[in-house]
Amino acid sequence: MKEQVITKLCPIVEINGAKYAALTQQLAGIDRTLLGAEVTSISDCRAEFIDAIDLIASGI
């Protein structure tokens, strides 16, 4: 159960063959210029990010 909650809160995304946990609980608005060059699109993970933000906001 604990592993499911962490995975839901921190979706795993794959970039250039490496897996990363997206730390949505640390999500903040920052200037796009501070992010550096675009490496890939993670738009396919949109639903997982929305679920993670819902978990932060509502606990469900």
Protein backbone atom coordinates (compact mmCIF):
# COMPACT_ATOMS: atom_id res chain seq x y z
CA MET A 1 0.00 0.00 0.00
CA LYS A 2 2.75 2.49 0.93
CA GLU A 3 4.45 1.95 -2.43
CA GLN A 4 1.20 2.71 -4.29
CA VAL A 5 0.75 6.04 -2.51
CA ILE A 6 4.32 7.12 -3.26
CA THR A 7 3.99 6.11 -6.91
CA LYS A 8 0.72 7.99 -7.19
CA LEU A 9 2.26 11.07 -5.58
CA CYS A 10 5.50 10.84 -7.57
CA PRO A 11 4.76 9.54 -11.06
CA ILE A 12 7.65 7.73 -12.73
CA VAL A 13 8.63 9.21 -16.09
CA GLU A 14 11.17 7.85 -18.53
CA ILE A 15 13.52 10.28 -20.28
CA ASN A 16 16.13 9.00 -22.71
CA GLY A 17 15.91 5.51 -21.20
CA ALA A 18 16.37 6.64 -17.58
CA LYS A 19 13.52 6.55 -15.06
CA TYR A 20 12.83 9.54 -12.83
CA ALA A 21 10.34 10.14 -10.03
CA ALA A 22 8.52 13.44 -10.55
CA LEU A 23 8.36 15.14 -7.16
CA THR A 24 4.94 16.75 -7.57
CA GLN A 25 4.80 17.64 -3.87
CA GLN A 26 7.60 20.11 -4.63
CA LEU A 27 5.74 21.62 -7.58
CA ALA A 28 6.08 25.39 -7.75
CA GLY A 29 5.79 28.09 -10.33
CA ILE A 30 9.19 29.02 -11.68
CA ASP A 31 10.26 30.99 -14.70
CA ARG A 32 10.53 28.76 -17.76
CA THR A 33 13.98 30.18 -18.56
CA LEU A 34 15.34 28.52 -15.40
CA LEU A 35 14.42 25.05 -16.65
CA GLY A 36 17.04 24.79 -19.38
CA ALA A 37 16.62 23.16 -22.78
CA GLU A 38 13.64 20.92 -23.49
CA VAL A 39 14.69 17.27 -23.54
CA THR A 40 11.41 15.49 -24.23
CA SER A 41 7.66 15.75 -23.78
CA ILE A 42 5.98 14.00 -20.88
CA SER A 43 2.49 14.93 -22.07
CA ASP A 44 1.64 11.21 -22.23
CA CYS A 45 1.87 11.24 -18.40
CA ARG A 46 -0.69 14.06 -18.05
CA ALA A 47 -3.27 11.89 -16.24
CA GLU A 48 -0.69 10.69 -13.70
CA PHE A 49 0.34 14.28 -12.93
CA ILE A 50 -3.27 15.37 -12.50
CA ASP A 51 -3.85 12.40 -10.15
CA ALA A 52 -0.76 13.38 -8.13
CA ILE A 53 -1.93 16.99 -7.82
CA ASP A 54 -5.40 15.76 -6.79
CA LEU A 55 -3.76 13.64 -4.08
CA ILE A 56 -1.86 16.68 -2.79
CA ALA A 57 -4.94 18.89 -2.82
CA SER A 58 -7.59 16.47 -1.56
CA GLY A 59 -5.78 13.46 -0.12
CA ILE A 60 -7.73 11.08 -2.36
